[in-house]
Amino acid sequence: MGKPWVTTVIGAVSAALGLALLGAPRRSAAALGLGGTPPLLRAIGVADPVVGAGLLRGGRRLRWMRARSYLNVALVGLYGWTLLRGRSARRTQIGLIQMLVVSAFDAAVARRLASRA
C-alpha cells in the first residue's frame, strides 16, 4: 500500500516544528506559547524530526503515529505546566487547544492505520 498523504503531511509538519525548536528553542517556544527550558525544548526538538522522518519514510507508519501520539501527550503536559506557571496565558491557551485537536486527529489516524494492519 502506498504512503497516504495524511501521514506525509503530519511527518513534514512534525519535522519542521521539531527543527524550529531544536534550532531556536526560545523563539519557537514563544511563538507556540510553550514554556520550558531550552534543554527541554531541544529534547522535544530532537524527537519531533525523528518521528517526522519515520512518517516521511513510509515504513511502519502505525508505530510512528503511536510515537507521535506519545509526544503529543508530553506537549499537552508542557502546555498545562506553562499555564499553571501563568506564562503567556492567551497564546498558551490557544496552543493547548490546538495541541488537543492535533492529538485527537493523530489518534484517529493511528486508529485508522491499526484497522488496516
Protein backbone atom coordinates (compact mmCIF):
# COMPACT_ATOMS: atom_id res chain seq x y z
CA MET A 1 0.00 0.00 0.00
CA GLY A 2 1.28 3.46 -0.85
CA LYS A 3 2.12 6.12 1.64
CA PRO A 4 -1.06 8.11 2.47
CA TRP A 5 -0.77 11.84 2.02
CA VAL A 6 -2.01 12.50 5.57
CA THR A 7 0.97 10.79 7.22
CA THR A 8 3.26 12.63 4.81
CA VAL A 9 1.79 15.98 5.92
CA ILE A 10 1.96 15.01 9.60
CA GLY A 11 5.57 13.92 9.13
CA ALA A 12 6.57 17.13 7.37
CA VAL A 13 4.90 19.37 9.97
CA SER A 14 6.38 17.35 12.83
CA ALA A 15 9.87 17.56 11.34
CA ALA A 16 9.59 21.30 10.67
CA LEU A 17 8.34 22.16 14.17
CA GLY A 18 10.98 19.97 15.74
CA LEU A 19 13.77 21.57 13.75
CA ALA A 20 12.49 25.01 14.76
CA LEU A 21 12.53 24.00 18.44
CA LEU A 22 15.97 22.50 18.02
CA GLY A 23 17.48 25.50 16.26
CA ALA A 24 15.78 28.35 18.11
CA PRO A 25 14.13 26.93 21.22
CA ARG A 26 13.21 30.17 22.99
CA ARG A 27 11.92 31.95 19.91
CA SER A 28 9.95 28.90 18.72
CA ALA A 29 8.53 28.24 22.17
CA ALA A 30 7.41 31.87 22.47
CA ALA A 31 5.67 31.68 19.09
CA LEU A 32 3.92 28.45 20.13
CA GLY A 33 3.07 29.67 23.63
CA LEU A 34 5.19 26.98 25.27
CA GLY A 35 7.20 27.31 28.45
CA GLY A 36 10.18 25.22 29.36
CA THR A 37 13.92 25.42 29.43
CA PRO A 38 16.00 25.35 26.24
CA PRO A 39 17.30 21.81 27.01
CA LEU A 40 13.73 20.50 27.40
CA LEU A 41 12.61 22.27 24.24
CA ARG A 42 15.61 20.90 22.35
CA ALA A 43 14.75 17.38 23.55
CA ILE A 44 11.32 17.80 22.00
CA GLY A 45 13.06 19.34 19.01
CA VAL A 46 15.09 16.16 18.56
CA ALA A 47 12.11 13.82 18.96
CA ASP A 48 9.80 15.58 16.50
CA PRO A 49 12.08 15.36 13.43
CA VAL A 50 12.82 11.70 14.21
CA VAL A 51 9.09 10.94 14.25
CA GLY A 52 8.60 13.13 11.18
CA ALA A 53 11.34 11.33 9.27
CA GLY A 54 9.83 7.97 10.19
CA LEU A 55 6.48 9.05 8.81
CA LEU A 56 8.04 10.52 5.68
CA ARG A 57 9.91 7.28 5.02
CA GLY A 58 6.59 5.46 4.94
CA GLY A 59 7.59 2.26 6.71
CA ARG A 60 5.84 1.22 9.92
CA ARG A 61 3.57 4.25 9.88
CA LEU A 62 1.45 2.89 12.72
CA ARG A 63 4.48 2.76 15.04
CA TRP A 64 5.47 6.30 14.10
CA MET A 65 1.93 7.61 14.60
CA ARG A 66 1.87 5.98 18.03
CA ALA A 67 5.20 7.62 18.83
CA ARG A 68 3.72 10.91 17.65
CA SER A 69 0.76 10.38 20.00
CA TYR A 70 3.13 9.86 22.95
CA LEU A 71 4.99 13.03 22.01
CA ASN A 72 1.63 14.84 21.86
CA VAL A 73 0.92 13.79 25.45
CA ALA A 74 4.24 15.32 26.51
CA LEU A 75 3.43 18.54 24.65
CA VAL A 76 -0.05 18.79 26.18
CA GLY A 77 1.61 18.35 29.57
CA LEU A 78 4.10 21.10 28.78
CA TYR A 79 1.27 23.44 27.77
CA GLY A 80 -0.52 22.62 31.03
CA TRP A 81 2.64 23.27 33.02
CA THR A 82 3.11 26.59 31.19
CA LEU A 83 -0.46 27.62 32.05
CA LEU A 84 -0.01 26.67 35.70
CA ARG A 85 3.07 28.89 35.85
CA GLY A 86 1.00 31.78 34.47
CA ARG A 87 3.17 32.47 31.43
CA SER A 88 1.78 33.86 28.16
CA ALA A 89 -1.71 32.73 29.10
CA ARG A 90 -3.63 33.65 25.91
CA ARG A 91 -1.10 32.23 23.46
CA THR A 92 -0.66 29.15 25.65
CA GLN A 93 -4.41 28.56 25.86
CA ILE A 94 -4.66 28.71 22.06
CA GLY A 95 -1.64 26.42 21.73
CA LEU A 96 -3.14 23.93 24.18
CA ILE A 97 -6.43 23.83 22.29
CA GLN A 98 -4.59 23.37 19.00
CA MET A 99 -2.45 20.61 20.51
CA LEU A 100 -5.53 18.80 21.81
CA VAL A 101 -7.13 18.96 18.35
CA VAL A 102 -3.92 17.74 16.70
CA SER A 103 -3.66 14.94 19.28
CA ALA A 104 -7.22 13.79 18.56
CA PHE A 105 -6.53 13.87 14.82
CA ASP A 106 -3.25 11.96 15.20
CA ALA A 107 -5.01 9.35 17.36
CA ALA A 108 -7.71 8.94 14.69
CA VAL A 109 -5.05 8.44 12.02
CA ALA A 110 -3.31 5.84 14.22
CA ARG A 111 -6.61 4.01 14.77
CA ARG A 112 -7.25 4.01 11.03
CA LEU A 113 -3.78 2.60 10.36
CA ALA A 114 -4.31 -0.05 13.06
CA SER A 115 -7.59 -1.12 11.48
CA ARG A 116 -5.78 -1.69 8.19
CA ALA A 117 -2.92 -3.69 9.73
